[in-house]
PDBML (XML) file of the C-alpha atoms, coordinates in Angstrom:
<?xml version="1.0" encoding="UTF-8" ?>
<PDBx:datablock datablockName="MODEL"
   xmlns:PDBx="http://pdbml.pdb.org/schema/pdbx-v50.xsd"
   xmlns:xsi="http://www.w3.org/2001/XMLSchema-instance"
   xsi:schemaLocation="http://pdbml.pdb.org/schema/pdbx-v50.xsd pdbx-v50.xsd">
   <PDBx:atom_siteCategory>
      <PDBx:atom_site id="1">
         <PDBx:B_iso_or_equiv>0.00</PDBx:B_iso_or_equiv>
         <PDBx:Cartn_x>0.000</PDBx:Cartn_x>
         <PDBx:Cartn_y>0.000</PDBx:Cartn_y>
         <PDBx:Cartn_z>0.000</PDBx:Cartn_z>
         <PDBx:auth_asym_id>A</PDBx:auth_asym_id>
         <PDBx:auth_atom_id>CA</PDBx:auth_atom_id>
         <PDBx:auth_comp_id>ILE</PDBx:auth_comp_id>
         <PDBx:auth_seq_id>1</PDBx:auth_seq_id>
         <PDBx:group_PDB>ATOM</PDBx:group_PDB>
         <PDBx:label_alt_id xsi:nil="true" />
         <PDBx:label_asym_id>A</PDBx:label_asym_id>
         <PDBx:label_atom_id>CA</PDBx:label_atom_id>
         <PDBx:label_comp_id>ILE</PDBx:label_comp_id>
         <PDBx:label_entity_id>1</PDBx:label_entity_id>
         <PDBx:label_seq_id>1</PDBx:label_seq_id>
         <PDBx:occupancy>1.00</PDBx:occupancy>
         <PDBx:pdbx_PDB_model_num>1</PDBx:pdbx_PDB_model_num>
         <PDBx:type_symbol>C</PDBx:type_symbol>
      </PDBx:atom_site>
      <PDBx:atom_site id="2">
         <PDBx:B_iso_or_equiv>0.00</PDBx:B_iso_or_equiv>
         <PDBx:Cartn_x>2.823</PDBx:Cartn_x>
         <PDBx:Cartn_y>2.384</PDBx:Cartn_y>
         <PDBx:Cartn_z>0.896</PDBx:Cartn_z>
         <PDBx:auth_asym_id>A</PDBx:auth_asym_id>
         <PDBx:auth_atom_id>CA</PDBx:auth_atom_id>
         <PDBx:auth_comp_id>ALA</PDBx:auth_comp_id>
         <PDBx:auth_seq_id>2</PDBx:auth_seq_id>
         <PDBx:group_PDB>ATOM</PDBx:group_PDB>
         <PDBx:label_alt_id xsi:nil="true" />
         <PDBx:label_asym_id>A</PDBx:label_asym_id>
         <PDBx:label_atom_id>CA</PDBx:label_atom_id>
         <PDBx:label_comp_id>ALA</PDBx:label_comp_id>
         <PDBx:label_entity_id>1</PDBx:label_entity_id>
         <PDBx:label_seq_id>2</PDBx:label_seq_id>
         <PDBx:occupancy>1.00</PDBx:occupancy>
         <PDBx:pdbx_PDB_model_num>1</PDBx:pdbx_PDB_model_num>
         <PDBx:type_symbol>C</PDBx:type_symbol>
      </PDBx:atom_site>
      <PDBx:atom_site id="3">
         <PDBx:B_iso_or_equiv>0.00</PDBx:B_iso_or_equiv>
         <PDBx:Cartn_x>4.711</PDBx:Cartn_x>
         <PDBx:Cartn_y>1.584</PDBx:Cartn_y>
         <PDBx:Cartn_z>-2.317</PDBx:Cartn_z>
         <PDBx:auth_asym_id>A</PDBx:auth_asym_id>
         <PDBx:auth_atom_id>CA</PDBx:auth_atom_id>
         <PDBx:auth_comp_id>ASP</PDBx:auth_comp_id>
         <PDBx:auth_seq_id>3</PDBx:auth_seq_id>
         <PDBx:group_PDB>ATOM</PDBx:group_PDB>
         <PDBx:label_alt_id xsi:nil="true" />
         <PDBx:label_asym_id>A</PDBx:label_asym_id>
         <PDBx:label_atom_id>CA</PDBx:label_atom_id>
         <PDBx:label_comp_id>ASP</PDBx:label_comp_id>
         <PDBx:label_entity_id>1</PDBx:label_entity_id>
         <PDBx:label_seq_id>3</PDBx:label_seq_id>
         <PDBx:occupancy>1.00</PDBx:occupancy>
         <PDBx:pdbx_PDB_model_num>1</PDBx:pdbx_PDB_model_num>
         <PDBx:type_symbol>C</PDBx:type_symbol>
      </PDBx:atom_site>
      <PDBx:atom_site id="4">
         <PDBx:B_iso_or_equiv>0.00</PDBx:B_iso_or_equiv>
         <PDBx:Cartn_x>1.522</PDBx:Cartn_x>
         <PDBx:Cartn_y>1.959</PDBx:Cartn_y>
         <PDBx:Cartn_z>-4.342</PDBx:Cartn_z>
         <PDBx:auth_asym_id>A</PDBx:auth_asym_id>
         <PDBx:auth_atom_id>CA</PDBx:auth_atom_id>
         <PDBx:auth_comp_id>GLY</PDBx:auth_comp_id>
         <PDBx:auth_seq_id>4</PDBx:auth_seq_id>
         <PDBx:group_PDB>ATOM</PDBx:group_PDB>
         <PDBx:label_alt_id xsi:nil="true" />
         <PDBx:label_asym_id>A</PDBx:label_asym_id>
         <PDBx:label_atom_id>CA</PDBx:label_atom_id>
         <PDBx:label_comp_id>GLY</PDBx:label_comp_id>
         <PDBx:label_entity_id>1</PDBx:label_entity_id>
         <PDBx:label_seq_id>4</PDBx:label_seq_id>
         <PDBx:occupancy>1.00</PDBx:occupancy>
         <PDBx:pdbx_PDB_model_num>1</PDBx:pdbx_PDB_model_num>
         <PDBx:type_symbol>C</PDBx:type_symbol>
      </PDBx:atom_site>
      <PDBx:atom_site id="5">
         <PDBx:B_iso_or_equiv>0.00</PDBx:B_iso_or_equiv>
         <PDBx:Cartn_x>0.906</PDBx:Cartn_x>
         <PDBx:Cartn_y>5.447</PDBx:Cartn_y>
         <PDBx:Cartn_z>-2.952</PDBx:Cartn_z>
         <PDBx:auth_asym_id>A</PDBx:auth_asym_id>
         <PDBx:auth_atom_id>CA</PDBx:auth_atom_id>
         <PDBx:auth_comp_id>ILE</PDBx:auth_comp_id>
         <PDBx:auth_seq_id>5</PDBx:auth_seq_id>
         <PDBx:group_PDB>ATOM</PDBx:group_PDB>
         <PDBx:label_alt_id xsi:nil="true" />
         <PDBx:label_asym_id>A</PDBx:label_asym_id>
         <PDBx:label_atom_id>CA</PDBx:label_atom_id>
         <PDBx:label_comp_id>ILE</PDBx:label_comp_id>
         <PDBx:label_entity_id>1</PDBx:label_entity_id>
         <PDBx:label_seq_id>5</PDBx:label_seq_id>
         <PDBx:occupancy>1.00</PDBx:occupancy>
         <PDBx:pdbx_PDB_model_num>1</PDBx:pdbx_PDB_model_num>
         <PDBx:type_symbol>C</PDBx:type_symbol>
      </PDBx:atom_site>
      <PDBx:atom_site id="6">
         <PDBx:B_iso_or_equiv>0.00</PDBx:B_iso_or_equiv>
         <PDBx:Cartn_x>4.405</PDBx:Cartn_x>
         <PDBx:Cartn_y>6.641</PDBx:Cartn_y>
         <PDBx:Cartn_z>-3.837</PDBx:Cartn_z>
         <PDBx:auth_asym_id>A</PDBx:auth_asym_id>
         <PDBx:auth_atom_id>CA</PDBx:auth_atom_id>
         <PDBx:auth_comp_id>GLU</PDBx:auth_comp_id>
         <PDBx:auth_seq_id>6</PDBx:auth_seq_id>
         <PDBx:group_PDB>ATOM</PDBx:group_PDB>
         <PDBx:label_alt_id xsi:nil="true" />
         <PDBx:label_asym_id>A</PDBx:label_asym_id>
         <PDBx:label_atom_id>CA</PDBx:label_atom_id>
         <PDBx:label_comp_id>GLU</PDBx:label_comp_id>
         <PDBx:label_entity_id>1</PDBx:label_entity_id>
         <PDBx:label_seq_id>6</PDBx:label_seq_id>
         <PDBx:occupancy>1.00</PDBx:occupancy>
         <PDBx:pdbx_PDB_model_num>1</PDBx:pdbx_PDB_model_num>
         <PDBx:type_symbol>C</PDBx:type_symbol>
      </PDBx:atom_site>
      <PDBx:atom_site id="7">
         <PDBx:B_iso_or_equiv>0.00</PDBx:B_iso_or_equiv>
         <PDBx:Cartn_x>4.365</PDBx:Cartn_x>
         <PDBx:Cartn_y>5.056</PDBx:Cartn_y>
         <PDBx:Cartn_z>-7.300</PDBx:Cartn_z>
         <PDBx:auth_asym_id>A</PDBx:auth_asym_id>
         <PDBx:auth_atom_id>CA</PDBx:auth_atom_id>
         <PDBx:auth_comp_id>HIS</PDBx:auth_comp_id>
         <PDBx:auth_seq_id>7</PDBx:auth_seq_id>
         <PDBx:group_PDB>ATOM</PDBx:group_PDB>
         <PDBx:label_alt_id xsi:nil="true" />
         <PDBx:label_asym_id>A</PDBx:label_asym_id>
         <PDBx:label_atom_id>CA</PDBx:label_atom_id>
         <PDBx:label_comp_id>HIS</PDBx:label_comp_id>
         <PDBx:label_entity_id>1</PDBx:label_entity_id>
         <PDBx:label_seq_id>7</PDBx:label_seq_id>
         <PDBx:occupancy>1.00</PDBx:occupancy>
         <PDBx:pdbx_PDB_model_num>1</PDBx:pdbx_PDB_model_num>
         <PDBx:type_symbol>C</PDBx:type_symbol>
      </PDBx:atom_site>
      <PDBx:atom_site id="8">
         <PDBx:B_iso_or_equiv>0.00</PDBx:B_iso_or_equiv>
         <PDBx:Cartn_x>0.966</PDBx:Cartn_x>
         <PDBx:Cartn_y>6.592</PDBx:Cartn_y>
         <PDBx:Cartn_z>-8.052</PDBx:Cartn_z>
         <PDBx:auth_asym_id>A</PDBx:auth_asym_id>
         <PDBx:auth_atom_id>CA</PDBx:auth_atom_id>
         <PDBx:auth_comp_id>ALA</PDBx:auth_comp_id>
         <PDBx:auth_seq_id>8</PDBx:auth_seq_id>
         <PDBx:group_PDB>ATOM</PDBx:group_PDB>
         <PDBx:label_alt_id xsi:nil="true" />
         <PDBx:label_asym_id>A</PDBx:label_asym_id>
         <PDBx:label_atom_id>CA</PDBx:label_atom_id>
         <PDBx:label_comp_id>ALA</PDBx:label_comp_id>
         <PDBx:label_entity_id>1</PDBx:label_entity_id>
         <PDBx:label_seq_id>8</PDBx:label_seq_id>
         <PDBx:occupancy>1.00</PDBx:occupancy>
         <PDBx:pdbx_PDB_model_num>1</PDBx:pdbx_PDB_model_num>
         <PDBx:type_symbol>C</PDBx:type_symbol>
      </PDBx:atom_site>
      <PDBx:atom_site id="9">
         <PDBx:B_iso_or_equiv>0.00</PDBx:B_iso_or_equiv>
         <PDBx:Cartn_x>2.261</PDBx:Cartn_x>
         <PDBx:Cartn_y>10.015</PDBx:Cartn_y>
         <PDBx:Cartn_z>-7.024</PDBx:Cartn_z>
         <PDBx:auth_asym_id>A</PDBx:auth_asym_id>
         <PDBx:auth_atom_id>CA</PDBx:auth_atom_id>
         <PDBx:auth_comp_id>MET</PDBx:auth_comp_id>
         <PDBx:auth_seq_id>9</PDBx:auth_seq_id>
         <PDBx:group_PDB>ATOM</PDBx:group_PDB>
         <PDBx:label_alt_id xsi:nil="true" />
         <PDBx:label_asym_id>A</PDBx:label_asym_id>
         <PDBx:label_atom_id>CA</PDBx:label_atom_id>
         <PDBx:label_comp_id>MET</PDBx:label_comp_id>
         <PDBx:label_entity_id>1</PDBx:label_entity_id>
         <PDBx:label_seq_id>9</PDBx:label_seq_id>
         <PDBx:occupancy>1.00</PDBx:occupancy>
         <PDBx:pdbx_PDB_model_num>1</PDBx:pdbx_PDB_model_num>
         <PDBx:type_symbol>C</PDBx:type_symbol>
      </PDBx:atom_site>
      <PDBx:atom_site id="10">
         <PDBx:B_iso_or_equiv>0.00</PDBx:B_iso_or_equiv>
         <PDBx:Cartn_x>5.240</PDBx:Cartn_x>
         <PDBx:Cartn_y>9.692</PDBx:Cartn_y>
         <PDBx:Cartn_z>-9.349</PDBx:Cartn_z>
         <PDBx:auth_asym_id>A</PDBx:auth_asym_id>
         <PDBx:auth_atom_id>CA</PDBx:auth_atom_id>
         <PDBx:auth_comp_id>ALA</PDBx:auth_comp_id>
         <PDBx:auth_seq_id>10</PDBx:auth_seq_id>
         <PDBx:group_PDB>ATOM</PDBx:group_PDB>
         <PDBx:label_alt_id xsi:nil="true" />
         <PDBx:label_asym_id>A</PDBx:label_asym_id>
         <PDBx:label_atom_id>CA</PDBx:label_atom_id>
         <PDBx:label_comp_id>ALA</PDBx:label_comp_id>
         <PDBx:label_entity_id>1</PDBx:label_entity_id>
         <PDBx:label_seq_id>10</PDBx:label_seq_id>
         <PDBx:occupancy>1.00</PDBx:occupancy>
         <PDBx:pdbx_PDB_model_num>1</PDBx:pdbx_PDB_model_num>
         <PDBx:type_symbol>C</PDBx:type_symbol>
      </PDBx:atom_site>
      <PDBx:atom_site id="11">
         <PDBx:B_iso_or_equiv>0.00</PDBx:B_iso_or_equiv>
         <PDBx:Cartn_x>2.904</PDBx:Cartn_x>
         <PDBx:Cartn_y>8.789</PDBx:Cartn_y>
         <PDBx:Cartn_z>-12.216</PDBx:Cartn_z>
         <PDBx:auth_asym_id>A</PDBx:auth_asym_id>
         <PDBx:auth_atom_id>CA</PDBx:auth_atom_id>
         <PDBx:auth_comp_id>GLU</PDBx:auth_comp_id>
         <PDBx:auth_seq_id>11</PDBx:auth_seq_id>
         <PDBx:group_PDB>ATOM</PDBx:group_PDB>
         <PDBx:label_alt_id xsi:nil="true" />
         <PDBx:label_asym_id>A</PDBx:label_asym_id>
         <PDBx:label_atom_id>CA</PDBx:label_atom_id>
         <PDBx:label_comp_id>GLU</PDBx:label_comp_id>
         <PDBx:label_entity_id>1</PDBx:label_entity_id>
         <PDBx:label_seq_id>11</PDBx:label_seq_id>
         <PDBx:occupancy>1.00</PDBx:occupancy>
         <PDBx:pdbx_PDB_model_num>1</PDBx:pdbx_PDB_model_num>
         <PDBx:type_symbol>C</PDBx:type_symbol>
      </PDBx:atom_site>
      <PDBx:atom_site id="12">
         <PDBx:B_iso_or_equiv>0.00</PDBx:B_iso_or_equiv>
         <PDBx:Cartn_x>0.544</PDBx:Cartn_x>
         <PDBx:Cartn_y>11.680</PDBx:Cartn_y>
         <PDBx:Cartn_z>-11.466</PDBx:Cartn_z>
         <PDBx:auth_asym_id>A</PDBx:auth_asym_id>
         <PDBx:auth_atom_id>CA</PDBx:auth_atom_id>
         <PDBx:auth_comp_id>LEU</PDBx:auth_comp_id>
         <PDBx:auth_seq_id>12</PDBx:auth_seq_id>
         <PDBx:group_PDB>ATOM</PDBx:group_PDB>
         <PDBx:label_alt_id xsi:nil="true" />
         <PDBx:label_asym_id>A</PDBx:label_asym_id>
         <PDBx:label_atom_id>CA</PDBx:label_atom_id>
         <PDBx:label_comp_id>LEU</PDBx:label_comp_id>
         <PDBx:label_entity_id>1</PDBx:label_entity_id>
         <PDBx:label_seq_id>12</PDBx:label_seq_id>
         <PDBx:occupancy>1.00</PDBx:occupancy>
         <PDBx:pdbx_PDB_model_num>1</PDBx:pdbx_PDB_model_num>
         <PDBx:type_symbol>C</PDBx:type_symbol>
      </PDBx:atom_site>
      <PDBx:atom_site id="13">
         <PDBx:B_iso_or_equiv>0.00</PDBx:B_iso_or_equiv>
         <PDBx:Cartn_x>3.472</PDBx:Cartn_x>
         <PDBx:Cartn_y>14.104</PDBx:Cartn_y>
         <PDBx:Cartn_z>-11.495</PDBx:Cartn_z>
         <PDBx:auth_asym_id>A</PDBx:auth_asym_id>
         <PDBx:auth_atom_id>CA</PDBx:auth_atom_id>
         <PDBx:auth_comp_id>LEU</PDBx:auth_comp_id>
         <PDBx:auth_seq_id>13</PDBx:auth_seq_id>
         <PDBx:group_PDB>ATOM</PDBx:group_PDB>
         <PDBx:label_alt_id xsi:nil="true" />
         <PDBx:label_asym_id>A</PDBx:label_asym_id>
         <PDBx:label_atom_id>CA</PDBx:label_atom_id>
         <PDBx:label_comp_id>LEU</PDBx:label_comp_id>
         <PDBx:label_entity_id>1</PDBx:label_entity_id>
         <PDBx:label_seq_id>13</PDBx:label_seq_id>
         <PDBx:occupancy>1.00</PDBx:occupancy>
         <PDBx:pdbx_PDB_model_num>1</PDBx:pdbx_PDB_model_num>
         <PDBx:type_symbol>C</PDBx:type_symbol>
      </PDBx:atom_site>
      <PDBx:atom_site id="14">
         <PDBx:B_iso_or_equiv>0.00</PDBx:B_iso_or_equiv>
         <PDBx:Cartn_x>4.507</PDBx:Cartn_x>
         <PDBx:Cartn_y>12.756</PDBx:Cartn_y>
         <PDBx:Cartn_z>-14.887</PDBx:Cartn_z>
         <PDBx:auth_asym_id>A</PDBx:auth_asym_id>
         <PDBx:auth_atom_id>CA</PDBx:auth_atom_id>
         <PDBx:auth_comp_id>ALA</PDBx:auth_comp_id>
         <PDBx:auth_seq_id>14</PDBx:auth_seq_id>
         <PDBx:group_PDB>ATOM</PDBx:group_PDB>
         <PDBx:label_alt_id xsi:nil="true" />
         <PDBx:label_asym_id>A</PDBx:label_asym_id>
         <PDBx:label_atom_id>CA</PDBx:label_atom_id>
         <PDBx:label_comp_id>ALA</PDBx:label_comp_id>
         <PDBx:label_entity_id>1</PDBx:label_entity_id>
         <PDBx:label_seq_id>14</PDBx:label_seq_id>
         <PDBx:occupancy>1.00</PDBx:occupancy>
         <PDBx:pdbx_PDB_model_num>1</PDBx:pdbx_PDB_model_num>
         <PDBx:type_symbol>C</PDBx:type_symbol>
      </PDBx:atom_site>
      <PDBx:atom_site id="15">
         <PDBx:B_iso_or_equiv>0.00</PDBx:B_iso_or_equiv>
         <PDBx:Cartn_x>0.958</PDBx:Cartn_x>
         <PDBx:Cartn_y>13.154</PDBx:Cartn_y>
         <PDBx:Cartn_z>-16.155</PDBx:Cartn_z>
         <PDBx:auth_asym_id>A</PDBx:auth_asym_id>
         <PDBx:auth_atom_id>CA</PDBx:auth_atom_id>
         <PDBx:auth_comp_id>ARG</PDBx:auth_comp_id>
         <PDBx:auth_seq_id>15</PDBx:auth_seq_id>
         <PDBx:group_PDB>ATOM</PDBx:group_PDB>
         <PDBx:label_alt_id xsi:nil="true" />
         <PDBx:label_asym_id>A</PDBx:label_asym_id>
         <PDBx:label_atom_id>CA</PDBx:label_atom_id>
         <PDBx:label_comp_id>ARG</PDBx:label_comp_id>
         <PDBx:label_entity_id>1</PDBx:label_entity_id>
         <PDBx:label_seq_id>15</PDBx:label_seq_id>
         <PDBx:occupancy>1.00</PDBx:occupancy>
         <PDBx:pdbx_PDB_model_num>1</PDBx:pdbx_PDB_model_num>
         <PDBx:type_symbol>C</PDBx:type_symbol>
      </PDBx:atom_site>
      <PDBx:atom_site id="16">
         <PDBx:B_iso_or_equiv>0.00</PDBx:B_iso_or_equiv>
         <PDBx:Cartn_x>0.915</PDBx:Cartn_x>
         <PDBx:Cartn_y>16.707</PDBx:Cartn_y>
         <PDBx:Cartn_z>-14.779</PDBx:Cartn_z>
         <PDBx:auth_asym_id>A</PDBx:auth_asym_id>
         <PDBx:auth_atom_id>CA</PDBx:auth_atom_id>
         <PDBx:auth_comp_id>THR</PDBx:auth_comp_id>
         <PDBx:auth_seq_id>16</PDBx:auth_seq_id>
         <PDBx:group_PDB>ATOM</PDBx:group_PDB>
         <PDBx:label_alt_id xsi:nil="true" />
         <PDBx:label_asym_id>A</PDBx:label_asym_id>
         <PDBx:label_atom_id>CA</PDBx:label_atom_id>
         <PDBx:label_comp_id>THR</PDBx:label_comp_id>
         <PDBx:label_entity_id>1</PDBx:label_entity_id>
         <PDBx:label_seq_id>16</PDBx:label_seq_id>
         <PDBx:occupancy>1.00</PDBx:occupancy>
         <PDBx:pdbx_PDB_model_num>1</PDBx:pdbx_PDB_model_num>
         <PDBx:type_symbol>C</PDBx:type_symbol>
      </PDBx:atom_site>
      <PDBx:atom_site id="17">
         <PDBx:B_iso_or_equiv>0.00</PDBx:B_iso_or_equiv>
         <PDBx:Cartn_x>4.008</PDBx:Cartn_x>
         <PDBx:Cartn_y>17.597</PDBx:Cartn_y>
         <PDBx:Cartn_z>-16.833</PDBx:Cartn_z>
         <PDBx:auth_asym_id>A</PDBx:auth_asym_id>
         <PDBx:auth_atom_id>CA</PDBx:auth_atom_id>
         <PDBx:auth_comp_id>LYS</PDBx:auth_comp_id>
         <PDBx:auth_seq_id>17</PDBx:auth_seq_id>
         <PDBx:group_PDB>ATOM</PDBx:group_PDB>
         <PDBx:label_alt_id xsi:nil="true" />
         <PDBx:label_asym_id>A</PDBx:label_asym_id>
         <PDBx:label_atom_id>CA</PDBx:label_atom_id>
         <PDBx:label_comp_id>LYS</PDBx:label_comp_id>
         <PDBx:label_entity_id>1</PDBx:label_entity_id>
         <PDBx:label_seq_id>17</PDBx:label_seq_id>
         <PDBx:occupancy>1.00</PDBx:occupancy>
         <PDBx:pdbx_PDB_model_num>1</PDBx:pdbx_PDB_model_num>
         <PDBx:type_symbol>C</PDBx:type_symbol>
      </PDBx:atom_site>
      <PDBx:atom_site id="18">
         <PDBx:B_iso_or_equiv>0.00</PDBx:B_iso_or_equiv>
         <PDBx:Cartn_x>2.353</PDBx:Cartn_x>
         <PDBx:Cartn_y>16.167</PDBx:Cartn_y>
         <PDBx:Cartn_z>-19.945</PDBx:Cartn_z>
         <PDBx:auth_asym_id>A</PDBx:auth_asym_id>
         <PDBx:auth_atom_id>CA</PDBx:auth_atom_id>
         <PDBx:auth_comp_id>ILE</PDBx:auth_comp_id>
         <PDBx:auth_seq_id>18</PDBx:auth_seq_id>
         <PDBx:group_PDB>ATOM</PDBx:group_PDB>
         <PDBx:label_alt_id xsi:nil="true" />
         <PDBx:label_asym_id>A</PDBx:label_asym_id>
         <PDBx:label_atom_id>CA</PDBx:label_atom_id>
         <PDBx:label_comp_id>ILE</PDBx:label_comp_id>
         <PDBx:label_entity_id>1</PDBx:label_entity_id>
         <PDBx:label_seq_id>18</PDBx:label_seq_id>
         <PDBx:occupancy>1.00</PDBx:occupancy>
         <PDBx:pdbx_PDB_model_num>1</PDBx:pdbx_PDB_model_num>
         <PDBx:type_symbol>C</PDBx:type_symbol>
      </PDBx:atom_site>
      <PDBx:atom_site id="19">
         <PDBx:B_iso_or_equiv>0.00</PDBx:B_iso_or_equiv>
         <PDBx:Cartn_x>-0.792</PDBx:Cartn_x>
         <PDBx:Cartn_y>18.181</PDBx:Cartn_y>
         <PDBx:Cartn_z>-19.226</PDBx:Cartn_z>
         <PDBx:auth_asym_id>A</PDBx:auth_asym_id>
         <PDBx:auth_atom_id>CA</PDBx:auth_atom_id>
         <PDBx:auth_comp_id>SER</PDBx:auth_comp_id>
         <PDBx:auth_seq_id>19</PDBx:auth_seq_id>
         <PDBx:group_PDB>ATOM</PDBx:group_PDB>
         <PDBx:label_alt_id xsi:nil="true" />
         <PDBx:label_asym_id>A</PDBx:label_asym_id>
         <PDBx:label_atom_id>CA</PDBx:label_atom_id>
         <PDBx:label_comp_id>SER</PDBx:label_comp_id>
         <PDBx:label_entity_id>1</PDBx:label_entity_id>
         <PDBx:label_seq_id>19</PDBx:label_seq_id>
         <PDBx:occupancy>1.00</PDBx:occupancy>
         <PDBx:pdbx_PDB_model_num>1</PDBx:pdbx_PDB_model_num>
         <PDBx:type_symbol>C</PDBx:type_symbol>
      </PDBx:atom_site>
      <PDBx:atom_site id="20">
         <PDBx:B_iso_or_equiv>0.00</PDBx:B_iso_or_equiv>
         <PDBx:Cartn_x>1.224</PDBx:Cartn_x>
         <PDBx:Cartn_y>21.367</PDBx:Cartn_y>
         <PDBx:Cartn_z>-18.840</PDBx:Cartn_z>
         <PDBx:auth_asym_id>A</PDBx:auth_asym_id>
         <PDBx:auth_atom_id>CA</PDBx:auth_atom_id>
         <PDBx:auth_comp_id>ARG</PDBx:auth_comp_id>
         <PDBx:auth_seq_id>20</PDBx:auth_seq_id>
         <PDBx:group_PDB>ATOM</PDBx:group_PDB>
         <PDBx:label_alt_id xsi:nil="true" />
         <PDBx:label_asym_id>A</PDBx:label_asym_id>
         <PDBx:label_atom_id>CA</PDBx:label_atom_id>
         <PDBx:label_comp_id>ARG</PDBx:label_comp_id>
         <PDBx:label_entity_id>1</PDBx:label_entity_id>
         <PDBx:label_seq_id>20</PDBx:label_seq_id>
         <PDBx:occupancy>1.00</PDBx:occupancy>
         <PDBx:pdbx_PDB_model_num>1</PDBx:pdbx_PDB_model_num>
         <PDBx:type_symbol>C</PDBx:type_symbol>
      </PDBx:atom_site>
      <PDBx:atom_site id="21">
         <PDBx:B_iso_or_equiv>0.00</PDBx:B_iso_or_equiv>
         <PDBx:Cartn_x>3.196</PDBx:Cartn_x>
         <PDBx:Cartn_y>20.775</PDBx:Cartn_y>
         <PDBx:Cartn_z>-22.035</PDBx:Cartn_z>
         <PDBx:auth_asym_id>A</PDBx:auth_asym_id>
         <PDBx:auth_atom_id>CA</PDBx:auth_atom_id>
         <PDBx:auth_comp_id>SER</PDBx:auth_comp_id>
         <PDBx:auth_seq_id>21</PDBx:auth_seq_id>
         <PDBx:group_PDB>ATOM</PDBx:group_PDB>
         <PDBx:label_alt_id xsi:nil="true" />
         <PDBx:label_asym_id>A</PDBx:label_asym_id>
         <PDBx:label_atom_id>CA</PDBx:label_atom_id>
         <PDBx:label_comp_id>SER</PDBx:label_comp_id>
         <PDBx:label_entity_id>1</PDBx:label_entity_id>
         <PDBx:label_seq_id>21</PDBx:label_seq_id>
         <PDBx:occupancy>1.00</PDBx:occupancy>
         <PDBx:pdbx_PDB_model_num>1</PDBx:pdbx_PDB_model_num>
         <PDBx:type_symbol>C</PDBx:type_symbol>
      </PDBx:atom_site>
      <PDBx:atom_site id="22">
         <PDBx:B_iso_or_equiv>0.00</PDBx:B_iso_or_equiv>
         <PDBx:Cartn_x>-0.054</PDBx:Cartn_x>
         <PDBx:Cartn_y>20.350</PDBx:Cartn_y>
         <PDBx:Cartn_z>-23.935</PDBx:Cartn_z>
         <PDBx:auth_asym_id>A</PDBx:auth_asym_id>
         <PDBx:auth_atom_id>CA</PDBx:auth_atom_id>
         <PDBx:auth_comp_id>ARG</PDBx:auth_comp_id>
         <PDBx:auth_seq_id>22</PDBx:auth_seq_id>
         <PDBx:group_PDB>ATOM</PDBx:group_PDB>
         <PDBx:label_alt_id xsi:nil="true" />
         <PDBx:label_asym_id>A</PDBx:label_asym_id>
         <PDBx:label_atom_id>CA</PDBx:label_atom_id>
         <PDBx:label_comp_id>ARG</PDBx:label_comp_id>
         <PDBx:label_entity_id>1</PDBx:label_entity_id>
         <PDBx:label_seq_id>22</PDBx:label_seq_id>
         <PDBx:occupancy>1.00</PDBx:occupancy>
         <PDBx:pdbx_PDB_model_num>1</PDBx:pdbx_PDB_model_num>
         <PDBx:type_symbol>C</PDBx:type_symbol>
      </PDBx:atom_site>
      <PDBx:atom_site id="23">
         <PDBx:B_iso_or_equiv>0.00</PDBx:B_iso_or_equiv>
         <PDBx:Cartn_x>-1.319</PDBx:Cartn_x>
         <PDBx:Cartn_y>23.633</PDBx:Cartn_y>
         <PDBx:Cartn_z>-22.570</PDBx:Cartn_z>
         <PDBx:auth_asym_id>A</PDBx:auth_asym_id>
         <PDBx:auth_atom_id>CA</PDBx:auth_atom_id>
         <PDBx:auth_comp_id>ARG</PDBx:auth_comp_id>
         <PDBx:auth_seq_id>23</PDBx:auth_seq_id>
         <PDBx:group_PDB>ATOM</PDBx:group_PDB>
         <PDBx:label_alt_id xsi:nil="true" />
         <PDBx:label_asym_id>A</PDBx:label_asym_id>
         <PDBx:label_atom_id>CA</PDBx:label_atom_id>
         <PDBx:label_comp_id>ARG</PDBx:label_comp_id>
         <PDBx:label_entity_id>1</PDBx:label_entity_id>
         <PDBx:label_seq_id>23</PDBx:label_seq_id>
         <PDBx:occupancy>1.00</PDBx:occupancy>
         <PDBx:pdbx_PDB_model_num>1</PDBx:pdbx_PDB_model_num>
         <PDBx:type_symbol>C</PDBx:type_symbol>
      </PDBx:atom_site>
      <PDBx:atom_site id="24">
         <PDBx:B_iso_or_equiv>0.00</PDBx:B_iso_or_equiv>
         <PDBx:Cartn_x>1.893</PDBx:Cartn_x>
         <PDBx:Cartn_y>25.312</PDBx:Cartn_y>
         <PDBx:Cartn_z>-23.646</PDBx:Cartn_z>
         <PDBx:auth_asym_id>A</PDBx:auth_asym_id>
         <PDBx:auth_atom_id>CA</PDBx:auth_atom_id>
         <PDBx:auth_comp_id>VAL</PDBx:auth_comp_id>
         <PDBx:auth_seq_id>24</PDBx:auth_seq_id>
         <PDBx:group_PDB>ATOM</PDBx:group_PDB>
         <PDBx:label_alt_id xsi:nil="true" />
         <PDBx:label_asym_id>A</PDBx:label_asym_id>
         <PDBx:label_atom_id>CA</PDBx:label_atom_id>
         <PDBx:label_comp_id>VAL</PDBx:label_comp_id>
         <PDBx:label_entity_id>1</PDBx:label_entity_id>
         <PDBx:label_seq_id>24</PDBx:label_seq_id>
         <PDBx:occupancy>1.00</PDBx:occupancy>
         <PDBx:pdbx_PDB_model_num>1</PDBx:pdbx_PDB_model_num>
         <PDBx:type_symbol>C</PDBx:type_symbol>
      </PDBx:atom_site>
      <PDBx:atom_site id="25">
         <PDBx:B_iso_or_equiv>0.00</PDBx:B_iso_or_equiv>
         <PDBx:Cartn_x>1.492</PDBx:Cartn_x>
         <PDBx:Cartn_y>23.889</PDBx:Cartn_y>
         <PDBx:Cartn_z>-27.158</PDBx:Cartn_z>
         <PDBx:auth_asym_id>A</PDBx:auth_asym_id>
         <PDBx:auth_atom_id>CA</PDBx:auth_atom_id>
         <PDBx:auth_comp_id>GLU</PDBx:auth_comp_id>
         <PDBx:auth_seq_id>25</PDBx:auth_seq_id>
         <PDBx:group_PDB>ATOM</PDBx:group_PDB>
         <PDBx:label_alt_id xsi:nil="true" />
         <PDBx:label_asym_id>A</PDBx:label_asym_id>
         <PDBx:label_atom_id>CA</PDBx:label_atom_id>
         <PDBx:label_comp_id>GLU</PDBx:label_comp_id>
         <PDBx:label_entity_id>1</PDBx:label_entity_id>
         <PDBx:label_seq_id>25</PDBx:label_seq_id>
         <PDBx:occupancy>1.00</PDBx:occupancy>
         <PDBx:pdbx_PDB_model_num>1</PDBx:pdbx_PDB_model_num>
         <PDBx:type_symbol>C</PDBx:type_symbol>
      </PDBx:atom_site>
   </PDBx:atom_siteCategory>
</PDBx:datablock>
């Protein structure tokens, strides 16, 4: 459960960067 929380946060941060780059485009 602890590992899953941290891995999910890393993925959400990556998805956030993708979302921002799309807004910039």
